[in-house]
C-alpha atoms as a PDB file:
ATOM      1  CA  MET A   1      -0.081   0.111   0.104  1.00  0.00           C
ATOM      2  CA  ASN A   2       1.462   3.396  -1.001  1.00  0.00           C
ATOM      3  CA  THR A   3       2.189   5.781   1.847  1.00  0.00           C
ATOM      4  CA  PRO A   4       0.320   9.136   1.550  1.00  0.00           C
ATOM      5  CA  VAL A   5       2.371  11.999   0.597  1.00  0.00           C
ATOM      6  CA  LEU A   6       0.218  13.990   3.262  1.00  0.00           C
ATOM      7  CA  MET A   7      -1.893  13.031   5.948  1.00  0.00           C
ATOM      8  CA  CYS A   8      -3.720  15.305   8.252  1.00  0.00           C
ATOM      9  CA  ASP A   9      -5.750  13.854  11.263  1.00  0.00           C
ATOM     10  CA  LYS A  10      -8.016  15.875  13.445  1.00  0.00           C
ATOM     11  CA  LEU A  11      -6.078  19.152  13.130  1.00  0.00           C
ATOM     12  CA  CYS A  12      -7.357  22.114  15.227  1.00  0.00           C
ATOM     13  CA  LYS A  13      -6.051  25.544  15.044  1.00  0.00           C
ATOM     14  CA  SER A  14      -7.352  28.810  16.486  1.00  0.00           C
ATOM     15  CA  TYR A  15      -6.139  32.430  16.620  1.00  0.00           C
ATOM     16  CA  THR A  16      -8.681  33.538  19.216  1.00  0.00           C
ATOM     17  CA  ALA A  17     -10.247  31.460  21.983  1.00  0.00           C
ATOM     18  CA  GLY A  18     -13.320  29.983  20.956  1.00  0.00           C
ATOM     19  CA  LEU A  19     -12.988  30.833  17.166  1.00  0.00           C
ATOM     20  CA  PRO A  20     -11.355  27.771  15.422  1.00  0.00           C
ATOM     21  CA  VAL A  21     -10.018  28.405  11.960  1.00  0.00           C
ATOM     22  CA  LEU A  22      -9.469  24.436  11.703  1.00  0.00           C
ATOM     23  CA  ASN A  23     -11.553  22.110  13.687  1.00  0.00           C
ATOM     24  CA  ASN A  24     -10.807  18.401  13.543  1.00  0.00           C
ATOM     25  CA  PHE A  25      -9.721  18.754  10.006  1.00  0.00           C
ATOM     26  CA  SER A  26      -8.553  15.468   8.311  1.00  0.00           C
ATOM     27  CA  LEU A  27      -7.222  14.721   4.912  1.00  0.00           C
ATOM     28  CA  SER A  28      -5.040  12.350   2.830  1.00  0.00           C
ATOM     29  CA  LEU A  29      -3.370  12.793  -0.195  1.00  0.00           C
ATOM     30  CA  THR A  30      -1.701  10.375  -2.633  1.00  0.00           C
ATOM     31  CA  ARG A  31       1.309  11.024  -4.858  1.00  0.00           C
ATOM     32  CA  GLY A  32       1.370  12.076  -8.433  1.00  0.00           C
ATOM     33  CA  LYS A  33      -1.640  14.542  -8.090  1.00  0.00           C
ATOM     34  CA  ILE A  34      -2.432  18.275  -8.609  1.00  0.00           C
ATOM     35  CA  VAL A  35      -5.212  19.122  -5.921  1.00  0.00           C
ATOM     36  CA  GLY A  36      -7.155  22.313  -5.823  1.00  0.00           C
ATOM     37  CA  LEU A  37      -7.719  23.395  -2.053  1.00  0.00           C
ATOM     38  CA  LEU A  38     -10.851  25.816  -2.740  1.00  0.00           C
ATOM     39  CA  GLY A  39     -13.026  27.665  -0.648  1.00  0.00           C
ATOM     40  CA  PRO A  40     -14.028  31.214   0.486  1.00  0.00           C
ATOM     41  CA  ASN A  41     -12.028  33.939   2.239  1.00  0.00           C
ATOM     42  CA  GLY A  42     -11.279  32.952   5.785  1.00  0.00           C
ATOM     43  CA  CYS A  43     -12.061  29.286   5.700  1.00  0.00           C
ATOM     44  CA  GLY A  44      -8.572  28.345   6.760  1.00  0.00           C
ATOM     45  CA  LYS A  45      -6.749  27.383   3.542  1.00  0.00           C
ATOM     46  CA  SER A  46      -3.621  29.424   3.903  1.00  0.00           C
ATOM     47  CA  THR A  47      -3.603  28.315   7.746  1.00  0.00           C
ATOM     48  CA  LEU A  48      -3.672  24.777   6.551  1.00  0.00           C
ATOM     49  CA  LEU A  49      -0.670  25.073   4.356  1.00  0.00           C
ATOM     50  CA  LYS A  50       1.236  27.099   6.880  1.00  0.00           C
ATOM     51  CA  LEU A  51       0.796  24.229   9.485  1.00  0.00           C
ATOM     52  CA  ILE A  52       1.939  21.654   6.897  1.00  0.00           C
ATOM     53  CA  ALA A  53       4.966  23.721   5.985  1.00  0.00           C
ATOM     54  CA  GLY A  54       5.853  24.053   9.640  1.00  0.00           C
ATOM     55  CA  ILE A  55       5.405  27.929   9.799  1.00  0.00           C
ATOM     56  CA  LEU A  56       2.380  27.639  12.412  1.00  0.00           C
ATOM     57  CA  VAL A  57       2.028  24.981  14.931  1.00  0.00           C
ATOM     58  CA  ALA A  58      -1.644  23.052  15.542  1.00  0.00           C
ATOM     59  CA  ASP A  59      -3.400  23.419  18.662  1.00  0.00           C
ATOM     60  CA  SER A  60      -3.829  19.613  18.419  1.00  0.00           C
ATOM     61  CA  GLY A  61      -3.809  16.839  15.748  1.00  0.00           C
ATOM     62  CA  GLU A  62      -1.128  15.088  13.544  1.00  0.00           C
ATOM     63  CA  ILE A  63       0.550  16.040  10.222  1.00  0.00           C
ATOM     64  CA  LYS A  64       2.664  13.143   8.569  1.00  0.00           C
ATOM     65  CA  ILE A  65       4.658  13.786   5.357  1.00  0.00           C
ATOM     66  CA  CYS A  66       5.420  10.783   3.395  1.00  0.00           C
ATOM     67  CA  GLY A  67       4.733   8.654   6.483  1.00  0.00           C
ATOM     68  CA  HIS A  68       6.906  10.714   8.798  1.00  0.00           C
ATOM     69  CA  PRO A  69       5.592  12.988  11.515  1.00  0.00           C
ATOM     70  CA  ARG A  70       5.995  16.732  10.588  1.00  0.00           C
ATOM     71  CA  SER A  71       9.082  17.885  11.919  1.00  0.00           C
ATOM     72  CA  GLU A  72      12.386  19.943  10.791  1.00  0.00           C
ATOM     73  CA  GLN A  73      13.572  17.033   8.838  1.00  0.00           C
ATOM     74  CA  THR A  74      10.419  16.587   6.736  1.00  0.00           C
ATOM     75  CA  ASN A  75      10.657  20.551   5.737  1.00  0.00           C
ATOM     76  CA  ALA A  76      13.283  18.918   3.167  1.00  0.00           C
ATOM     77  CA  LEU A  77      10.238  17.301   1.588  1.00  0.00           C
ATOM     78  CA  ILE A  78       8.141  20.219   1.177  1.00  0.00           C
ATOM     79  CA  SER A  79       8.406  23.211  -1.259  1.00  0.00           C
ATOM     80  CA  TYR A  80       6.353  26.164   0.026  1.00  0.00           C
ATOM     81  CA  LEU A  81       4.965  29.289  -2.193  1.00  0.00           C
ATOM     82  CA  PRO A  82       3.295  31.670   0.428  1.00  0.00           C
ATOM     83  CA  GLU A  83       0.546  34.187  -0.590  1.00  0.00           C
ATOM     84  CA  ARG A  84       2.794  37.110  -0.320  1.00  0.00           C
ATOM     85  CA  PRO A  85       6.435  37.751  -1.527  1.00  0.00           C
ATOM     86  CA  TYR A  86       9.252  37.301   1.328  1.00  0.00           C
ATOM     87  CA  PHE A  87      12.460  38.100  -0.391  1.00  0.00           C
ATOM     88  CA  GLN A  88      14.457  41.272   0.379  1.00  0.00           C
ATOM     89  CA  PRO A  89      13.512  43.692  -2.179  1.00  0.00           C
ATOM     90  CA  SER A  90      17.130  44.512  -2.734  1.00  0.00           C
ATOM     91  CA  MET A  91      18.096  41.214  -3.759  1.00  0.00           C
ATOM     92  CA  ARG A  92      18.818  40.475  -7.516  1.00  0.00           C
ATOM     93  CA  VAL A  93      17.239  37.432  -9.268  1.00  0.00           C
ATOM     94  CA  VAL A  94      20.690  35.866  -9.692  1.00  0.00           C
ATOM     95  CA  GLU A  95      21.048  36.096  -5.861  1.00  0.00           C
ATOM     96  CA  LEU A  96      18.039  34.386  -5.423  1.00  0.00           C
ATOM     97  CA  LEU A  97      19.240  31.567  -7.462  1.00  0.00           C
ATOM     98  CA  ASP A  98      22.402  31.403  -5.392  1.00  0.00           C
ATOM     99  CA  TYR A  99      20.351  31.338  -2.073  1.00  0.00           C
ATOM    100  CA  PHE A 100      18.229  28.478  -3.346  1.00  0.00           C
ATOM    101  CA  SER A 101      21.372  26.564  -4.778  1.00  0.00           C
ATOM    102  CA  ASP A 102      22.911  27.047  -1.386  1.00  0.00           C
ATOM    103  CA  PHE A 103      19.879  26.195   0.926  1.00  0.00           C
ATOM    104  CA  TYR A 104      18.054  23.419  -0.967  1.00  0.00           C
ATOM    105  CA  ALA A 105      20.054  20.388  -2.006  1.00  0.00           C
ATOM    106  CA  ASP A 106      17.385  19.389  -4.446  1.00  0.00           C
ATOM    107  CA  PHE A 107      17.385  22.722  -6.381  1.00  0.00           C
ATOM    108  CA  ASP A 108      17.506  22.417 -10.119  1.00  0.00           C
ATOM    109  CA  ARG A 109      19.119  25.714 -11.061  1.00  0.00           C
ATOM    110  CA  GLU A 110      19.268  24.869 -14.628  1.00  0.00           C
ATOM    111  CA  ARG A 111      15.543  24.303 -14.702  1.00  0.00           C
ATOM    112  CA  ALA A 112      14.993  27.709 -12.884  1.00  0.00           C
ATOM    113  CA  THR A 113      17.206  29.511 -15.400  1.00  0.00           C
ATOM    114  CA  ARG A 114      15.325  27.970 -18.452  1.00  0.00           C
ATOM    115  CA  MET A 115      12.096  28.916 -17.145  1.00  0.00           C
ATOM    116  CA  LEU A 116      13.216  32.477 -16.172  1.00  0.00           C
ATOM    117  CA  THR A 117      14.459  33.024 -19.623  1.00  0.00           C
ATOM    118  CA  ASP A 118      11.406  31.457 -21.128  1.00  0.00           C
ATOM    119  CA  LEU A 119       9.385  34.125 -19.227  1.00  0.00           C
ATOM    120  CA  GLY A 120      11.655  37.001 -20.408  1.00  0.00           C
ATOM    121  CA  ILE A 121      13.039  37.779 -16.595  1.00  0.00           C
ATOM    122  CA  PRO A 122      16.778  38.795 -16.487  1.00  0.00           C
ATOM    123  CA  GLN A 123      18.798  37.687 -13.769  1.00  0.00           C
ATOM    124  CA  ASP A 124      20.490  40.909 -13.027  1.00  0.00           C
ATOM    125  CA  VAL A 125      17.530  42.859 -12.039  1.00  0.00           C
ATOM    126  CA  ARG A 126      16.561  43.818  -8.398  1.00  0.00           C
ATOM    127  CA  MET A 127      13.086  42.362  -6.994  1.00  0.00           C
ATOM    128  CA  LYS A 128      11.981  45.888  -6.059  1.00  0.00           C
ATOM    129  CA  THR A 129      12.138  46.852  -9.576  1.00  0.00           C
ATOM    130  CA  LEU A 130       9.836  44.113 -10.746  1.00  0.00           C
ATOM    131  CA  SER A 131       6.023  44.089 -11.021  1.00  0.00           C
ATOM    132  CA  LYS A 132       3.888  42.354  -8.578  1.00  0.00           C
ATOM    133  CA  GLY A 133       3.049  39.711 -11.208  1.00  0.00           C
ATOM    134  CA  THR A 134       6.796  39.436 -12.241  1.00  0.00           C
ATOM    135  CA  LYS A 135       7.696  38.952  -8.556  1.00  0.00           C
ATOM    136  CA  GLU A 136       5.099  36.009  -8.309  1.00  0.00           C
ATOM    137  CA  LYS A 137       6.549  34.492 -11.418  1.00  0.00           C
ATOM    138  CA  VAL A 138      10.139  34.543  -9.648  1.00  0.00           C
ATOM    139  CA  GLN A 139       9.083  32.798  -6.683  1.00  0.00           C
ATOM    140  CA  LEU A 140       6.982  30.366  -8.395  1.00  0.00           C
ATOM    141  CA  VAL A 141       9.953  29.250 -10.670  1.00  0.00           C
ATOM    142  CA  LEU A 142      12.071  29.004  -7.829  1.00  0.00           C
ATOM    143  CA  VAL A 143       9.621  26.940  -5.681  1.00  0.00           C
ATOM    144  CA  MET A 144       8.763  24.627  -8.404  1.00  0.00           C
ATOM    145  CA  SER A 145      12.558  24.005  -9.378  1.00  0.00           C
ATOM    146  CA  ARG A 146      13.169  22.319  -6.198  1.00  0.00           C
ATOM    147  CA  ARG A 147      12.651  18.410  -6.541  1.00  0.00           C
ATOM    148  CA  ALA A 148      10.363  18.169  -3.601  1.00  0.00           C
ATOM    149  CA  SER A 149       7.723  15.372  -2.803  1.00  0.00           C
ATOM    150  CA  LEU A 150       4.897  18.102  -1.718  1.00  0.00           C
ATOM    151  CA  TYR A 151       4.593  21.543  -3.306  1.00  0.00           C
ATOM    152  CA  LEU A 152       2.241  23.909  -1.475  1.00  0.00           C
ATOM    153  CA  LEU A 153       1.255  26.885  -3.547  1.00  0.00           C
ATOM    154  CA  ASP A 154      -0.779  29.635  -2.105  1.00  0.00           C
ATOM    155  CA  GLU A 155      -2.426  31.931  -4.888  1.00  0.00           C
ATOM    156  CA  PRO A 156       0.467  31.181  -7.153  1.00  0.00           C
ATOM    157  CA  ILE A 157      -1.182  33.017 -10.108  1.00  0.00           C
ATOM    158  CA  GLY A 158      -3.343  35.965  -8.366  1.00  0.00           C
ATOM    159  CA  GLY A 159      -1.208  38.813  -9.828  1.00  0.00           C
ATOM    160  CA  VAL A 160      -0.029  37.013 -13.102  1.00  0.00           C
ATOM    161  CA  ASP A 161      -0.996  38.399 -16.319  1.00  0.00           C
ATOM    162  CA  PRO A 162      -3.413  36.096 -18.216  1.00  0.00           C
ATOM    163  CA  ALA A 163      -0.905  35.757 -21.246  1.00  0.00           C
ATOM    164  CA  ALA A 164       1.555  34.030 -18.856  1.00  0.00           C
ATOM    165  CA  ARG A 165      -0.964  31.813 -17.046  1.00  0.00           C
ATOM    166  CA  ASP A 166      -1.006  28.926 -19.698  1.00  0.00           C
ATOM    167  CA  TYR A 167       2.770  28.718 -19.587  1.00  0.00           C
ATOM    168  CA  ILE A 168       2.703  28.855 -15.651  1.00  0.00           C
ATOM    169  CA  LEU A 169       0.067  26.240 -15.502  1.00  0.00           C
ATOM    170  CA  GLN A 170       1.359  23.963 -18.170  1.00  0.00           C
ATOM    171  CA  THR A 171       5.027  24.203 -17.956  1.00  0.00           C
ATOM    172  CA  ILE A 172       5.861  25.189 -14.568  1.00  0.00           C
ATOM    173  CA  ILE A 173       2.909  23.442 -12.396  1.00  0.00           C
ATOM    174  CA  GLY A 174       2.430  20.768 -14.833  1.00  0.00           C
ATOM    175  CA  ASN A 175       5.811  19.713 -15.318  1.00  0.00           C
ATOM    176  CA  TYR A 176       6.789  18.029 -11.976  1.00  0.00           C
ATOM    177  CA  ASP A 177       7.872  14.770 -10.672  1.00  0.00           C
ATOM    178  CA  PRO A 178       5.333  12.251 -11.082  1.00  0.00           C
ATOM    179  CA  GLN A 179       5.701  10.782  -7.738  1.00  0.00           C
ATOM    180  CA  ALA A 180       5.161  14.404  -6.217  1.00  0.00           C
ATOM    181  CA  THR A 181       1.957  16.110  -5.175  1.00  0.00           C
ATOM    182  CA  VAL A 182       0.957  19.733  -5.811  1.00  0.00           C
ATOM    183  CA  MET A 183      -1.639  21.561  -3.474  1.00  0.00           C
ATOM    184  CA  ILE A 184      -2.808  24.722  -4.839  1.00  0.00           C
ATOM    185  CA  THR A 185      -5.252  27.393  -3.193  1.00  0.00           C
ATOM    186  CA  THR A 186      -6.739  29.952  -5.673  1.00  0.00           C
ATOM    187  CA  HIS A 187      -9.626  32.112  -6.442  1.00  0.00           C
ATOM    188  CA  LEU A 188      -9.039  31.570 -10.105  1.00  0.00           C
ATOM    189  CA  ILE A 189     -10.763  28.318 -10.448  1.00  0.00           C
ATOM    190  CA  THR A 190     -11.673  28.634 -14.249  1.00  0.00           C
ATOM    191  CA  ASP A 191      -7.871  29.137 -14.975  1.00  0.00           C
ATOM    192  CA  ILE A 192      -6.525  26.322 -12.658  1.00  0.00           C
ATOM    193  CA  GLU A 193      -9.286  23.818 -13.558  1.00  0.00           C
ATOM    194  CA  PRO A 194      -7.805  22.314 -16.442  1.00  0.00           C
ATOM    195  CA  VAL A 195      -4.888  21.215 -14.620  1.00  0.00           C
ATOM    196  CA  LEU A 196      -6.487  19.755 -11.381  1.00  0.00           C
ATOM    197  CA  ASP A 197      -6.658  15.990 -10.854  1.00  0.00           C
ATOM    198  CA  ASP A 198      -8.527  16.292  -7.543  1.00  0.00           C
ATOM    199  CA  PHE A 199     -10.210  18.989  -5.687  1.00  0.00           C
ATOM    200  CA  LEU A 200     -11.601  20.059  -2.044  1.00  0.00           C
ATOM    201  CA  PHE A 201     -14.123  22.579  -1.340  1.00  0.00           C
ATOM    202  CA  MET A 202     -13.346  23.834   2.168  1.00  0.00           C
ATOM    203  CA  GLY A 203     -15.981  25.462   4.052  1.00  0.00           C
ATOM    204  CA  HIS A 204     -15.434  27.431   7.481  1.00  0.00           C
ATOM    205  CA  SER A 205     -13.796  25.688  10.357  1.00  0.00           C
ATOM    206  CA  GLY A 206     -11.914  23.313   8.197  1.00  0.00           C
ATOM    207  CA  GLN A 207     -15.049  21.433   6.802  1.00  0.00           C
ATOM    208  CA  ILE A 208     -14.578  19.483   3.598  1.00  0.00           C
ATOM    209  CA  LEU A 209     -17.827  19.998   1.836  1.00  0.00           C
ATOM    210  CA  LEU A 210     -17.205  18.294  -1.326  1.00  0.00           C
ATOM    211  CA  ALA A 211     -13.966  16.587  -2.682  1.00  0.00           C
ATOM    212  CA  GLY A 212     -13.161  14.011  -5.491  1.00  0.00           C
ATOM    213  CA  ASN A 213     -11.581  13.613  -8.853  1.00  0.00           C
ATOM    214  CA  ALA A 214     -12.177  16.689 -10.810  1.00  0.00           C
ATOM    215  CA  ASP A 215     -13.453  14.745 -14.216  1.00  0.00           C
ATOM    216  CA  GLU A 216     -15.621  12.423 -12.314  1.00  0.00           C
ATOM    217  CA  VAL A 217     -17.291  15.266 -10.314  1.00  0.00           C
ATOM    218  CA  ARG A 218     -17.766  17.235 -13.396  1.00  0.00           C
ATOM    219  CA  ALA A 219     -19.276  14.236 -15.225  1.00  0.00           C
ATOM    220  CA  GLN A 220     -21.713  13.420 -12.471  1.00  0.00           C
ATOM    221  CA  HIS A 221     -23.063  16.913 -11.945  1.00  0.00           C
ATOM    222  CA  GLY A 222     -22.951  18.051 -15.470  1.00  0.00           C
ATOM    223  CA  LYS A 223     -20.995  21.349 -14.383  1.00  0.00           C
ATOM    224  CA  SER A 224     -17.447  22.869 -14.034  1.00  0.00           C
ATOM    225  CA  LEU A 225     -15.769  23.226 -10.804  1.00  0.00           C
ATOM    226  CA  ASN A 226     -16.272  26.722 -11.135  1.00  0.00           C
ATOM    227  CA  GLU A 227     -19.913  26.505 -11.591  1.00  0.00           C
ATOM    228  CA  LEU A 228     -20.221  23.986  -8.575  1.00  0.00           C
ATOM    229  CA  PHE A 229     -18.094  26.125  -6.351  1.00  0.00           C
ATOM    230  CA  ARG A 230     -20.737  29.075  -6.849  1.00  0.00           C
ATOM    231  CA  GLU A 231     -23.481  26.751  -6.272  1.00  0.00           C
ATOM    232  CA  VAL A 232     -22.072  25.322  -2.861  1.00  0.00           C
ATOM    233  CA  PHE A 233     -20.880  28.718  -1.442  1.00  0.00           C
ATOM    234  CA  ARG A 234     -23.776  30.744  -2.827  1.00  0.00           C
ATOM    235  CA  CYS A 235     -24.625  33.583  -0.392  1.00  0.00           C
END
């Protein structure tokens, strides 16, 4: 039996007493999938990714990465893209390549360089001179150029121009190790839907309202994931 790349068991997390962001949240993901984690603002999507990445600590519950309890050691198996840029604005793109090369043993610099070239991003520019969308492209290239087991992408294309989205979805996100799994949070469901294998609709307090294989659910309901999302989360 294949060990899940990610297992979350009864996770609880609160920022304010009595107001849980996640309440007994459980999840298991197999290898080789692109999974959409979809839900309204404030439902705990980013919190869940931060817990898995080790940036936050759960109040209770368990997280396992490739069968191992979440720890400093399992960080090497995870490549995480936060929602907001986190690099020093004065750093040049080439310095970020140096940083990732030094810090991550699984970083494929040749792959990163090729994708930056395809996107027309020079290596000698400073991050502070780039647009929001271009900064997001740089960070996504760096994150997806690692040879990780689990990729956590929080709103990876929110500020990216539509012309670059197809390249990002097909080449950057779609071209990963077949033994790895990618988890994506996004509001741009229509754009991301073509690359998703599985999906999870996440309600408030970490409730999974609907989940499954994207193709099977579309066939069953006769609707796109975007249409289903609007139906499930209708105000």
